[in-house]
C-alpha atoms as a PDB file:
ATOM      1  CA  UNK A   1     -67.202 202.449 191.291  1.00  0.00           C
ATOM      2  CA  UNK A   2     -63.575 201.564 191.904  1.00  0.00           C
ATOM      3  CA  UNK A   3     -62.004 204.304 194.122  1.00  0.00           C
ATOM      4  CA  UNK A   4     -59.078 204.768 191.729  1.00  0.00           C
ATOM      5  CA  UNK A   5     -61.380 205.152 188.714  1.00  0.00           C
ATOM      6  CA  UNK A   6     -63.592 207.509 190.717  1.00  0.00           C
ATOM      7  CA  UNK A   7     -60.562 209.650 191.572  1.00  0.00           C
ATOM      8  CA  UNK A   8     -59.409 209.758 187.943  1.00  0.00           C
ATOM      9  CA  UNK A   9     -62.831 210.736 186.587  1.00  0.00           C
ATOM     10  CA  UNK A  10     -63.231 213.417 189.264  1.00  0.00           C
ATOM     11  CA  UNK A  11     -59.734 214.729 188.492  1.00  0.00           C
ATOM     12  CA  UNK A  12     -60.529 214.985 184.766  1.00  0.00           C
ATOM     13  CA  UNK A  13     -63.753 216.904 185.444  1.00  0.00           C
ATOM     14  CA  UNK A  14     -62.033 219.207 187.950  1.00  0.00           C
ATOM     15  CA  UNK A  15     -59.111 219.765 185.584  1.00  0.00           C
ATOM     16  CA  UNK A  16     -61.215 220.775 182.554  1.00  0.00           C
ATOM     17  CA  UNK A  17     -61.633 224.446 183.664  1.00  0.00           C
ATOM     18  CA  UNK A  18     -57.897 224.580 184.354  1.00  0.00           C
ATOM     19  CA  UNK A  19     -57.159 223.241 180.871  1.00  0.00           C
ATOM     20  CA  UNK A  20     -59.108 226.077 179.251  1.00  0.00           C
ATOM     21  CA  UNK A  21     -57.348 228.658 181.414  1.00  0.00           C
ATOM     22  CA  UNK A  22     -53.936 227.116 180.817  1.00  0.00           C
ATOM     23  CA  UNK A  23     -54.255 226.842 177.037  1.00  0.00           C
ATOM     24  CA  UNK A  24     -55.478 230.430 176.854  1.00  0.00           C
ATOM     25  CA  UNK A  25     -52.544 231.672 178.922  1.00  0.00           C
ATOM     26  CA  UNK A  26     -50.067 229.608 176.877  1.00  0.00           C
ATOM     27  CA  UNK A  27     -51.316 231.311 173.712  1.00  0.00           C
ATOM     28  CA  UNK A  28     -50.879 234.720 175.312  1.00  0.00           C
ATOM     29  CA  UNK A  29     -47.424 233.962 176.719  1.00  0.00           C
ATOM     30  CA  UNK A  30     -46.179 232.487 173.439  1.00  0.00           C
ATOM     31  CA  UNK A  31     -46.514 236.000 171.999  1.00  0.00           C
ATOM     32  CA  UNK A  32     -44.457 237.435 174.878  1.00  0.00           C
ATOM     33  CA  UNK A  33     -47.408 238.781 176.892  1.00  0.00           C
ATOM     34  CA  UNK A  34     -47.413 237.667 180.519  1.00  0.00           C
ATOM     35  CA  UNK A  35     -51.068 238.112 181.420  1.00  0.00           C
ATOM     36  CA  UNK A  36     -51.434 237.425 185.145  1.00  0.00           C
ATOM     37  CA  UNK A  37     -55.098 238.441 185.031  1.00  0.00           C
ATOM     38  CA  UNK A  38     -56.380 234.896 184.380  1.00  0.00           C
ATOM     39  CA  UNK A  39     -58.140 234.817 187.751  1.00  0.00           C
ATOM     40  CA  UNK A  40     -60.096 237.974 186.910  1.00  0.00           C
ATOM     41  CA  UNK A  41     -61.016 236.810 183.419  1.00  0.00           C
ATOM     42  CA  UNK A  42     -62.259 233.485 184.775  1.00  0.00           C
ATOM     43  CA  UNK A  43     -64.453 235.315 187.288  1.00  0.00           C
ATOM     44  CA  UNK A  44     -65.903 237.450 184.504  1.00  0.00           C
ATOM     45  CA  UNK A  45     -66.462 234.413 182.307  1.00  0.00           C
ATOM     46  CA  UNK A  46     -68.125 232.495 185.121  1.00  0.00           C
ATOM     47  CA  UNK A  47     -70.581 235.278 185.989  1.00  0.00           C
ATOM     48  CA  UNK A  48     -71.504 236.246 182.438  1.00  0.00           C
ATOM     49  CA  UNK A  49     -71.621 232.665 181.187  1.00  0.00           C
ATOM     50  CA  UNK A  50     -74.044 231.682 183.924  1.00  0.00           C
ATOM     51  CA  UNK A  51     -76.013 234.876 183.346  1.00  0.00           C
ATOM     52  CA  UNK A  52     -76.372 234.160 179.633  1.00  0.00           C
ATOM     53  CA  UNK A  53     -77.773 230.672 180.245  1.00  0.00           C
ATOM     54  CA  UNK A  54     -79.962 231.799 183.144  1.00  0.00           C
ATOM     55  CA  UNK A  55     -81.603 234.754 181.404  1.00  0.00           C
ATOM     56  CA  UNK A  56     -81.988 232.824 178.158  1.00  0.00           C
ATOM     57  CA  UNK A  57     -83.922 230.134 180.014  1.00  0.00           C
ATOM     58  CA  UNK A  58     -85.922 232.770 181.867  1.00  0.00           C
ATOM     59  CA  UNK A  59     -86.845 234.472 178.585  1.00  0.00           C
ATOM     60  CA  UNK A  60     -88.019 231.398 176.664  1.00  0.00           C
ATOM     61  CA  UNK A  61     -89.346 229.280 179.543  1.00  0.00           C
ATOM     62  CA  UNK A  62     -90.185 225.678 178.670  1.00  0.00           C
ATOM     63  CA  UNK A  63     -89.084 226.202 175.059  1.00  0.00           C
ATOM     64  CA  UNK A  64     -85.446 226.352 176.170  1.00  0.00           C
ATOM     65  CA  UNK A  65     -82.891 224.634 173.934  1.00  0.00           C
ATOM     66  CA  UNK A  66     -80.059 223.014 175.878  1.00  0.00           C
ATOM     67  CA  UNK A  67     -77.451 223.117 173.077  1.00  0.00           C
ATOM     68  CA  UNK A  68     -78.256 226.770 172.395  1.00  0.00           C
ATOM     69  CA  UNK A  69     -77.912 227.579 176.106  1.00  0.00           C
ATOM     70  CA  UNK A  70     -74.472 225.945 176.113  1.00  0.00           C
ATOM     71  CA  UNK A  71     -73.393 227.944 173.057  1.00  0.00           C
ATOM     72  CA  UNK A  72     -74.694 231.208 174.550  1.00  0.00           C
ATOM     73  CA  UNK A  73     -72.826 230.555 177.799  1.00  0.00           C
ATOM     74  CA  UNK A  74     -69.591 229.878 175.891  1.00  0.00           C
ATOM     75  CA  UNK A  75     -69.970 232.996 173.733  1.00  0.00           C
ATOM     76  CA  UNK A  76     -70.803 235.244 176.701  1.00  0.00           C
ATOM     77  CA  UNK A  77     -67.859 233.947 178.709  1.00  0.00           C
ATOM     78  CA  UNK A  78     -65.479 234.249 175.756  1.00  0.00           C
ATOM     79  CA  UNK A  79     -66.625 237.820 175.076  1.00  0.00           C
ATOM     80  CA  UNK A  80     -66.102 238.788 178.722  1.00  0.00           C
ATOM     81  CA  UNK A  81     -62.584 237.380 178.807  1.00  0.00           C
ATOM     82  CA  UNK A  82     -61.714 238.846 175.417  1.00  0.00           C
ATOM     83  CA  UNK A  83     -62.808 242.302 176.602  1.00  0.00           C
ATOM     84  CA  UNK A  84     -60.655 242.035 179.726  1.00  0.00           C
ATOM     85  CA  UNK A  85     -57.707 240.835 177.654  1.00  0.00           C
ATOM     86  CA  UNK A  86     -58.250 243.673 175.174  1.00  0.00           C
ATOM     87  CA  UNK A  87     -57.881 246.202 177.984  1.00  0.00           C
ATOM     88  CA  UNK A  88     -54.706 244.446 179.096  1.00  0.00           C
ATOM     89  CA  UNK A  89     -53.378 244.340 175.512  1.00  0.00           C
ATOM     90  CA  UNK A  90     -54.021 248.033 174.941  1.00  0.00           C
ATOM     91  CA  UNK A  91     -52.206 248.987 178.130  1.00  0.00           C
ATOM     92  CA  UNK A  92     -49.210 246.695 177.633  1.00  0.00           C
ATOM     93  CA  UNK A  93     -48.791 246.616 173.846  1.00  0.00           C
ATOM     94  CA  UNK A  94     -49.904 250.075 172.754  1.00  0.00           C
ATOM     95  CA  UNK A  95     -49.107 252.056 175.919  1.00  0.00           C
ATOM     96  CA  UNK A  96     -46.255 249.697 176.934  1.00  0.00           C
ATOM     97  CA  UNK A  97     -47.291 249.535 180.572  1.00  0.00           C
ATOM     98  CA  UNK A  98     -45.607 247.065 182.903  1.00  0.00           C
ATOM     99  CA  UNK A  99     -47.078 243.637 182.186  1.00  0.00           C
ATOM    100  CA  UNK A 100     -46.814 242.305 185.731  1.00  0.00           C
ATOM    101  CA  UNK A 101     -48.578 245.280 187.284  1.00  0.00           C
ATOM    102  CA  UNK A 102     -51.228 245.390 184.550  1.00  0.00           C
ATOM    103  CA  UNK A 103     -51.911 241.675 184.852  1.00  0.00           C
ATOM    104  CA  UNK A 104     -52.352 241.903 188.614  1.00  0.00           C
ATOM    105  CA  UNK A 105     -54.633 244.895 188.140  1.00  0.00           C
ATOM    106  CA  UNK A 106     -56.721 242.900 185.654  1.00  0.00           C
ATOM    107  CA  UNK A 107     -56.957 240.032 188.153  1.00  0.00           C
ATOM    108  CA  UNK A 108     -58.343 242.411 190.789  1.00  0.00           C
ATOM    109  CA  UNK A 109     -60.556 244.268 188.326  1.00  0.00           C
ATOM    110  CA  UNK A 110     -61.962 241.119 186.712  1.00  0.00           C
ATOM    111  CA  UNK A 111     -62.638 239.483 190.071  1.00  0.00           C
ATOM    112  CA  UNK A 112     -64.507 242.593 191.161  1.00  0.00           C
ATOM    113  CA  UNK A 113     -66.534 242.766 187.954  1.00  0.00           C
ATOM    114  CA  UNK A 114     -67.409 239.078 188.122  1.00  0.00           C
ATOM    115  CA  UNK A 115     -68.462 239.260 191.754  1.00  0.00           C
ATOM    116  CA  UNK A 116     -70.459 242.449 191.133  1.00  0.00           C
ATOM    117  CA  UNK A 117     -72.340 240.944 188.182  1.00  0.00           C
ATOM    118  CA  UNK A 118     -72.984 237.717 190.055  1.00  0.00           C
ATOM    119  CA  UNK A 119     -74.246 239.440 193.183  1.00  0.00           C
ATOM    120  CA  UNK A 120     -76.311 241.891 191.112  1.00  0.00           C
ATOM    121  CA  UNK A 121     -78.091 238.971 189.448  1.00  0.00           C
ATOM    122  CA  UNK A 122     -78.629 237.310 192.816  1.00  0.00           C
ATOM    123  CA  UNK A 123     -80.105 240.444 194.385  1.00  0.00           C
ATOM    124  CA  UNK A 124     -82.374 241.151 191.418  1.00  0.00           C
ATOM    125  CA  UNK A 125     -83.658 237.587 191.391  1.00  0.00           C
ATOM    126  CA  UNK A 126     -84.138 237.578 195.148  1.00  0.00           C
ATOM    127  CA  UNK A 127     -82.191 234.387 195.750  1.00  0.00           C
ATOM    128  CA  UNK A 128     -79.835 231.920 194.132  1.00  0.00           C
ATOM    129  CA  UNK A 129     -79.095 232.371 190.444  1.00  0.00           C
ATOM    130  CA  UNK A 130     -79.269 228.853 188.997  1.00  0.00           C
ATOM    131  CA  UNK A 131     -80.581 227.182 185.864  1.00  0.00           C
ATOM    132  CA  UNK A 132     -83.207 224.431 185.983  1.00  0.00           C
ATOM    133  CA  UNK A 133     -82.298 220.805 186.617  1.00  0.00           C
ATOM    134  CA  UNK A 134     -83.208 219.955 183.024  1.00  0.00           C
ATOM    135  CA  UNK A 135     -80.817 222.548 181.655  1.00  0.00           C
ATOM    136  CA  UNK A 136     -78.101 221.492 184.111  1.00  0.00           C
ATOM    137  CA  UNK A 137     -78.051 218.131 182.397  1.00  0.00           C
ATOM    138  CA  UNK A 138     -76.794 219.674 179.163  1.00  0.00           C
ATOM    139  CA  UNK A 139     -73.858 221.225 181.018  1.00  0.00           C
ATOM    140  CA  UNK A 140     -73.027 218.373 183.391  1.00  0.00           C
ATOM    141  CA  UNK A 141     -74.058 215.101 181.748  1.00  0.00           C
ATOM    142  CA  UNK A 142     -72.134 213.087 179.166  1.00  0.00           C
ATOM    143  CA  UNK A 143     -73.138 213.596 175.511  1.00  0.00           C
ATOM    144  CA  UNK A 144     -72.557 209.880 174.804  1.00  0.00           C
ATOM    145  CA  UNK A 145     -75.285 207.184 174.914  1.00  0.00           C
ATOM    146  CA  UNK A 146     -75.840 205.318 178.173  1.00  0.00           C
ATOM    147  CA  UNK A 147     -74.699 202.091 176.531  1.00  0.00           C
ATOM    148  CA  UNK A 148     -71.200 203.493 176.027  1.00  0.00           C
ATOM    149  CA  UNK A 149     -71.063 204.893 179.537  1.00  0.00           C
ATOM    150  CA  UNK A 150     -71.990 201.505 181.005  1.00  0.00           C
ATOM    151  CA  UNK A 151     -69.013 199.706 179.461  1.00  0.00           C
ATOM    152  CA  UNK A 152     -66.931 198.445 182.402  1.00  0.00           C
ATOM    153  CA  UNK A 153     -63.910 200.645 183.179  1.00  0.00           C
ATOM    154  CA  UNK A 154     -63.642 202.070 179.630  1.00  0.00           C
ATOM    155  CA  UNK A 155     -67.078 203.671 179.781  1.00  0.00           C
ATOM    156  CA  UNK A 156     -66.261 205.394 183.062  1.00  0.00           C
ATOM    157  CA  UNK A 157     -62.804 206.519 181.997  1.00  0.00           C
ATOM    158  CA  UNK A 158     -63.651 207.619 178.443  1.00  0.00           C
ATOM    159  CA  UNK A 159     -67.357 208.302 177.935  1.00  0.00           C
ATOM    160  CA  UNK A 160     -68.661 209.577 181.282  1.00  0.00           C
ATOM    161  CA  UNK A 161     -67.591 213.245 181.218  1.00  0.00           C
ATOM    162  CA  UNK A 162     -69.473 216.409 180.393  1.00  0.00           C
ATOM    163  CA  UNK A 163     -69.143 217.987 176.961  1.00  0.00           C
ATOM    164  CA  UNK A 164     -66.640 220.605 178.153  1.00  0.00           C
ATOM    165  CA  UNK A 165     -64.025 217.955 178.948  1.00  0.00           C
ATOM    166  CA  UNK A 166     -64.002 216.808 175.330  1.00  0.00           C
ATOM    167  CA  UNK A 167     -64.120 220.399 174.081  1.00  0.00           C
ATOM    168  CA  UNK A 168     -61.121 221.295 176.251  1.00  0.00           C
ATOM    169  CA  UNK A 169     -59.168 218.348 174.851  1.00  0.00           C
ATOM    170  CA  UNK A 170     -59.968 219.432 171.292  1.00  0.00           C
ATOM    171  CA  UNK A 171     -58.920 223.020 172.047  1.00  0.00           C
ATOM    172  CA  UNK A 172     -55.607 221.877 173.569  1.00  0.00           C
ATOM    173  CA  UNK A 173     -54.788 219.559 170.639  1.00  0.00           C
ATOM    174  CA  UNK A 174     -55.704 222.212 168.065  1.00  0.00           C
ATOM    175  CA  UNK A 175     -53.601 224.773 169.938  1.00  0.00           C
ATOM    176  CA  UNK A 176     -50.648 222.404 169.995  1.00  0.00           C
ATOM    177  CA  UNK A 177     -50.964 221.739 166.254  1.00  0.00           C
ATOM    178  CA  UNK A 178     -51.293 225.460 165.574  1.00  0.00           C
ATOM    179  CA  UNK A 179     -48.190 226.419 167.560  1.00  0.00           C
ATOM    180  CA  UNK A 180     -46.016 223.594 166.257  1.00  0.00           C
ATOM    181  CA  UNK A 181     -47.293 222.727 162.787  1.00  0.00           C
ATOM    182  CA  UNK A 182     -48.544 225.939 161.173  1.00  0.00           C
ATOM    183  CA  UNK A 183     -46.743 228.893 159.646  1.00  0.00           C
ATOM    184  CA  UNK A 184     -48.865 231.335 161.630  1.00  0.00           C
ATOM    185  CA  UNK A 185     -47.974 229.494 164.843  1.00  0.00           C
ATOM    186  CA  UNK A 186     -44.289 229.690 163.929  1.00  0.00           C
ATOM    187  CA  UNK A 187     -44.648 233.440 163.407  1.00  0.00           C
ATOM    188  CA  UNK A 188     -46.350 233.773 166.787  1.00  0.00           C
ATOM    189  CA  UNK A 189     -43.530 231.899 168.523  1.00  0.00           C
ATOM    190  CA  UNK A 190     -41.004 234.084 166.718  1.00  0.00           C
ATOM    191  CA  UNK A 191     -42.766 237.173 168.053  1.00  0.00           C
ATOM    192  CA  UNK A 192     -42.520 235.783 171.571  1.00  0.00           C
ATOM    193  CA  UNK A 193     -38.860 234.881 171.242  1.00  0.00           C
ATOM    194  CA  UNK A 194     -37.586 238.015 169.505  1.00  0.00           C
ATOM    195  CA  UNK A 195     -40.115 240.641 168.391  1.00  0.00           C
ATOM    196  CA  UNK A 196     -37.352 242.789 166.854  1.00  0.00           C
ATOM    197  CA  UNK A 197     -36.199 239.940 164.619  1.00  0.00           C
ATOM    198  CA  UNK A 198     -39.781 239.042 163.713  1.00  0.00           C
ATOM    199  CA  UNK A 199     -40.513 242.682 162.905  1.00  0.00           C
ATOM    200  CA  UNK A 200     -37.436 242.895 160.683  1.00  0.00           C
ATOM    201  CA  UNK A 201     -38.660 239.777 158.857  1.00  0.00           C
ATOM    202  CA  UNK A 202     -41.963 241.488 158.055  1.00  0.00           C
ATOM    203  CA  UNK A 203     -44.119 239.731 160.668  1.00  0.00           C
ATOM    204  CA  UNK A 204     -46.841 242.062 162.053  1.00  0.00           C
ATOM    205  CA  UNK A 205     -45.777 241.920 165.704  1.00  0.00           C
ATOM    206  CA  UNK A 206     -48.557 244.100 167.116  1.00  0.00           C
ATOM    207  CA  UNK A 207     -51.297 242.140 165.341  1.00  0.00           C
ATOM    208  CA  UNK A 208     -50.007 238.798 166.601  1.00  0.00           C
ATOM    209  CA  UNK A 209     -49.664 240.100 170.144  1.00  0.00           C
ATOM    210  CA  UNK A 210     -53.168 241.572 170.174  1.00  0.00           C
ATOM    211  CA  UNK A 211     -54.897 238.547 168.650  1.00  0.00           C
ATOM    212  CA  UNK A 212     -53.124 235.960 170.790  1.00  0.00           C
ATOM    213  CA  UNK A 213     -53.774 237.914 173.983  1.00  0.00           C
ATOM    214  CA  UNK A 214     -57.458 238.517 173.218  1.00  0.00           C
ATOM    215  CA  UNK A 215     -58.175 234.960 172.086  1.00  0.00           C
ATOM    216  CA  UNK A 216     -56.186 233.579 175.013  1.00  0.00           C
ATOM    217  CA  UNK A 217     -58.178 235.726 177.427  1.00  0.00           C
ATOM    218  CA  UNK A 218     -61.432 234.496 175.919  1.00  0.00           C
ATOM    219  CA  UNK A 219     -60.387 230.855 176.298  1.00  0.00           C
ATOM    220  CA  UNK A 220     -59.384 231.431 179.916  1.00  0.00           C
ATOM    221  CA  UNK A 221     -62.776 232.995 180.663  1.00  0.00           C
ATOM    222  CA  UNK A 222     -64.534 229.967 179.161  1.00  0.00           C
ATOM    223  CA  UNK A 223     -62.722 227.951 181.830  1.00  0.00           C
ATOM    224  CA  UNK A 224     -64.392 230.096 184.489  1.00  0.00           C
ATOM    225  CA  UNK A 225     -67.800 229.430 182.964  1.00  0.00           C
ATOM    226  CA  UNK A 226     -67.071 225.694 182.821  1.00  0.00           C
ATOM    227  CA  UNK A 227     -66.190 225.689 186.522  1.00  0.00           C
ATOM    228  CA  UNK A 228     -69.416 227.461 187.508  1.00  0.00           C
ATOM    229  CA  UNK A 229     -71.616 225.307 185.249  1.00  0.00           C
ATOM    230  CA  UNK A 230     -70.056 221.958 186.234  1.00  0.00           C
ATOM    231  CA  UNK A 231     -68.056 221.869 189.468  1.00  0.00           C
ATOM    232  CA  UNK A 232     -70.111 224.615 191.158  1.00  0.00           C
ATOM    233  CA  UNK A 233     -73.433 223.080 190.069  1.00  0.00           C
ATOM    234  CA  UNK A 234     -74.693 225.881 187.785  1.00  0.00           C
ATOM    235  CA  UNK A 235     -75.175 228.148 190.812  1.00  0.00           C
ATOM    236  CA  UNK A 236     -73.383 231.447 191.328  1.00  0.00           C
ATOM    237  CA  UNK A 237     -70.992 231.504 194.282  1.00  0.00           C
ATOM    238  CA  UNK A 238     -68.913 234.651 194.564  1.00  0.00           C
ATOM    239  CA  UNK A 239     -66.057 232.706 196.187  1.00  0.00           C
ATOM    240  CA  UNK A 240     -66.387 229.548 194.095  1.00  0.00           C
ATOM    241  CA  UNK A 241     -63.647 230.431 191.608  1.00  0.00           C
ATOM    242  CA  UNK A 242     -61.056 231.656 194.093  1.00  0.00           C
ATOM    243  CA  UNK A 243     -57.640 230.361 193.088  1.00  0.00           C
ATOM    244  CA  UNK A 244     -58.587 228.719 189.779  1.00  0.00           C
ATOM    245  CA  UNK A 245     -56.877 231.389 187.705  1.00  0.00           C
ATOM    246  CA  UNK A 246     -53.671 231.265 189.712  1.00  0.00           C
ATOM    247  CA  UNK A 247     -53.609 227.478 189.404  1.00  0.00           C
ATOM    248  CA  UNK A 248     -53.934 227.879 185.627  1.00  0.00           C
ATOM    249  CA  UNK A 249     -50.922 230.221 185.610  1.00  0.00           C
ATOM    250  CA  UNK A 250     -48.970 227.703 187.709  1.00  0.00           C
ATOM    251  CA  UNK A 251     -49.994 224.921 185.320  1.00  0.00           C
ATOM    252  CA  UNK A 252     -48.566 226.894 182.385  1.00  0.00           C
ATOM    253  CA  UNK A 253     -45.167 226.728 184.080  1.00  0.00           C
ATOM    254  CA  UNK A 254     -45.657 223.104 185.124  1.00  0.00           C
ATOM    255  CA  UNK A 255     -46.429 221.981 181.556  1.00  0.00           C
ATOM    256  CA  UNK A 256     -43.526 224.049 180.211  1.00  0.00           C
ATOM    257  CA  UNK A 257     -45.665 226.125 177.835  1.00  0.00           C
ATOM    258  CA  UNK A 258     -46.905 223.058 175.952  1.00  0.00           C
ATOM    259  CA  UNK A 259     -50.651 222.497 175.299  1.00  0.00           C
ATOM    260  CA  UNK A 260     -49.963 218.767 174.940  1.00  0.00           C
ATOM    261  CA  UNK A 261     -48.415 218.503 178.409  1.00  0.00           C
ATOM    262  CA  UNK A 262     -51.312 220.555 179.745  1.00  0.00           C
ATOM    263  CA  UNK A 263     -53.636 217.665 178.845  1.00  0.00           C
ATOM    264  CA  UNK A 264     -52.245 215.382 181.536  1.00  0.00           C
ATOM    265  CA  UNK A 265     -51.055 218.243 183.731  1.00  0.00           C
ATOM    266  CA  UNK A 266     -54.623 219.482 184.155  1.00  0.00           C
ATOM    267  CA  UNK A 267     -55.701 216.001 185.272  1.00  0.00           C
ATOM    268  CA  UNK A 268     -52.840 215.893 187.777  1.00  0.00           C
ATOM    269  CA  UNK A 269     -53.701 219.330 189.147  1.00  0.00           C
ATOM    270  CA  UNK A 270     -57.383 218.411 189.215  1.00  0.00           C
ATOM    271  CA  UNK A 271     -56.524 215.335 191.254  1.00  0.00           C
ATOM    272  CA  UNK A 272     -54.360 217.341 193.654  1.00  0.00           C
ATOM    273  CA  UNK A 273     -57.191 219.852 194.108  1.00  0.00           C
ATOM    274  CA  UNK A 274     -59.656 217.197 195.293  1.00  0.00           C
ATOM    275  CA  UNK A 275     -57.190 214.885 197.017  1.00  0.00           C
ATOM    276  CA  UNK A 276     -58.132 216.227 200.448  1.00  0.00           C
ATOM    277  CA  UNK A 277     -61.661 214.897 199.857  1.00  0.00           C
ATOM    278  CA  UNK A 278     -60.493 211.426 198.809  1.00  0.00           C
ATOM    279  CA  UNK A 279     -57.453 210.797 201.000  1.00  0.00           C
ATOM    280  CA  UNK A 280     -58.057 211.995 204.539  1.00  0.00           C
ATOM    281  CA  UNK A 281     -54.985 211.831 206.771  1.00  0.00           C
ATOM    282  CA  UNK A 282     -55.432 213.097 210.345  1.00  0.00           C
ATOM    283  CA  UNK A 283     -51.843 214.336 210.542  1.00  0.00           C
ATOM    284  CA  UNK A 284     -51.961 216.154 207.184  1.00  0.00           C
ATOM    285  CA  UNK A 285     -53.857 219.493 207.319  1.00  0.00           C
ATOM    286  CA  UNK A 286     -56.255 220.409 204.500  1.00  0.00           C
ATOM    287  CA  UNK A 287     -54.317 223.603 203.839  1.00  0.00           C
ATOM    288  CA  UNK A 288     -51.233 221.576 202.898  1.00  0.00           C
ATOM    289  CA  UNK A 289     -53.281 219.566 200.410  1.00  0.00           C
ATOM    290  CA  UNK A 290     -54.334 222.767 198.685  1.00  0.00           C
ATOM    291  CA  UNK A 291     -50.789 224.043 198.154  1.00  0.00           C
ATOM    292  CA  UNK A 292     -49.580 220.794 196.566  1.00  0.00           C
ATOM    293  CA  UNK A 293     -50.077 222.049 192.946  1.00  0.00           C
ATOM    294  CA  UNK A 294     -47.900 225.072 193.659  1.00  0.00           C
ATOM    295  CA  UNK A 295     -45.213 222.959 195.358  1.00  0.00           C
ATOM    296  CA  UNK A 296     -45.121 220.608 192.359  1.00  0.00           C
ATOM    297  CA  UNK A 297     -44.841 223.620 190.027  1.00  0.00           C
ATOM    298  CA  UNK A 298     -41.880 225.037 191.961  1.00  0.00           C
ATOM    299  CA  UNK A 299     -40.111 221.660 191.871  1.00  0.00           C
ATOM    300  CA  UNK A 300     -40.633 221.367 188.099  1.00  0.00           C
ATOM    301  CA  UNK A 301     -39.435 224.948 187.560  1.00  0.00           C
ATOM    302  CA  UNK A 302     -36.248 224.304 189.543  1.00  0.00           C
ATOM    303  CA  UNK A 303     -35.512 221.033 187.730  1.00  0.00           C
ATOM    304  CA  UNK A 304     -36.046 222.518 184.258  1.00  0.00           C
ATOM    305  CA  UNK A 305     -33.869 225.506 185.151  1.00  0.00           C
ATOM    306  CA  UNK A 306     -31.061 223.172 186.192  1.00  0.00           C
ATOM    307  CA  UNK A 307     -31.339 221.231 182.932  1.00  0.00           C
ATOM    308  CA  UNK A 308     -31.097 224.476 180.939  1.00  0.00           C
ATOM    309  CA  UNK A 309     -33.048 222.998 178.012  1.00  0.00           C
ATOM    310  CA  UNK A 310     -34.058 225.821 175.665  1.00  0.00           C
ATOM    311  CA  UNK A 311     -37.147 223.981 174.489  1.00  0.00           C
ATOM    312  CA  UNK A 312     -38.452 223.944 178.060  1.00  0.00           C
ATOM    313  CA  UNK A 313     -37.890 227.608 178.855  1.00  0.00           C
ATOM    314  CA  UNK A 314     -40.394 230.479 178.586  1.00  0.00           C
ATOM    315  CA  UNK A 315     -40.375 232.729 175.496  1.00  0.00           C
ATOM    316  CA  UNK A 316     -37.314 234.978 175.632  1.00  0.00           C
ATOM    317  CA  UNK A 317     -39.311 238.235 175.485  1.00  0.00           C
ATOM    318  CA  UNK A 318     -41.978 237.149 177.989  1.00  0.00           C
ATOM    319  CA  UNK A 319     -43.040 240.086 180.129  1.00  0.00           C
ATOM    320  CA  UNK A 320     -41.002 242.645 178.165  1.00  0.00           C
ATOM    321  CA  UNK A 321     -42.492 245.569 176.266  1.00  0.00           C
ATOM    322  CA  UNK A 322     -41.406 245.900 172.634  1.00  0.00           C
ATOM    323  CA  UNK A 323     -40.081 249.292 171.545  1.00  0.00           C
ATOM    324  CA  UNK A 324     -39.865 249.182 167.772  1.00  0.00           C
ATOM    325  CA  UNK A 325     -37.704 252.295 167.535  1.00  0.00           C
ATOM    326  CA  UNK A 326     -34.978 250.549 169.548  1.00  0.00           C
ATOM    327  CA  UNK A 327     -34.553 247.528 167.285  1.00  0.00           C
END
């Protein structure tokens, strides 16, 4: 395979978990909730998603259904992330706790829960927790026929990815259409910009904040499951997800809170994450490779701040608690 094509395909696969996490966090932040607990929710989603597929296969044996295993893994991961986000939402929306502190606490809590569940499964099973090679194929192989995958260049660039890459693209496009083309999406953006004004207009601020935060948390957790079931080889590794959630938060800033920009931004970040494996320079330490996504994010943040374009700024009420009695 051409090295450039190989790098692009690897970047797309590596960026798919980030795309889920980024789109989920964009949805949350558009309502004004700055949930920094993405790392924790991805850990929870990774552990419970793998556990759902593993124990389902263990229960049914050779009668396992690959598509059903994929659905169960998605649902388990989404439920785990939604539960973590619900705790965050209750503390920050109902109790009006500081969003930064609560988000960091969720990151620590979720990471601990994910690692505990993963290690508990490993200890109980007496070894690695991994699904069979047959079931791995449903998570890691392309859903398209071999004939399409074998088309020169196009087959490799378009039809060679696992099902989660295409699902992530659909989720990002649907999220972009929802935020920009629907009345409900307009209401959600209004809540994020000025909850007092939205409340005065009759928009149920609390409902929008809760739903967007919970659904966003669930989507982020699905990204953790995707990472474990694809990049990590369907095997639990308690350190495998380290940094994915923080990269997703950085990507939200990089793509300027746009799900459409996140489509190519996730590929760029995915490429930067694996660049140290593809471009080895003796004078360039591996550690510097790994901070490149954050450096790029800082540069983009500085440039957009200098331009002072309102369309490329975060929601005005991001990170601020809403006190209805003060409006």
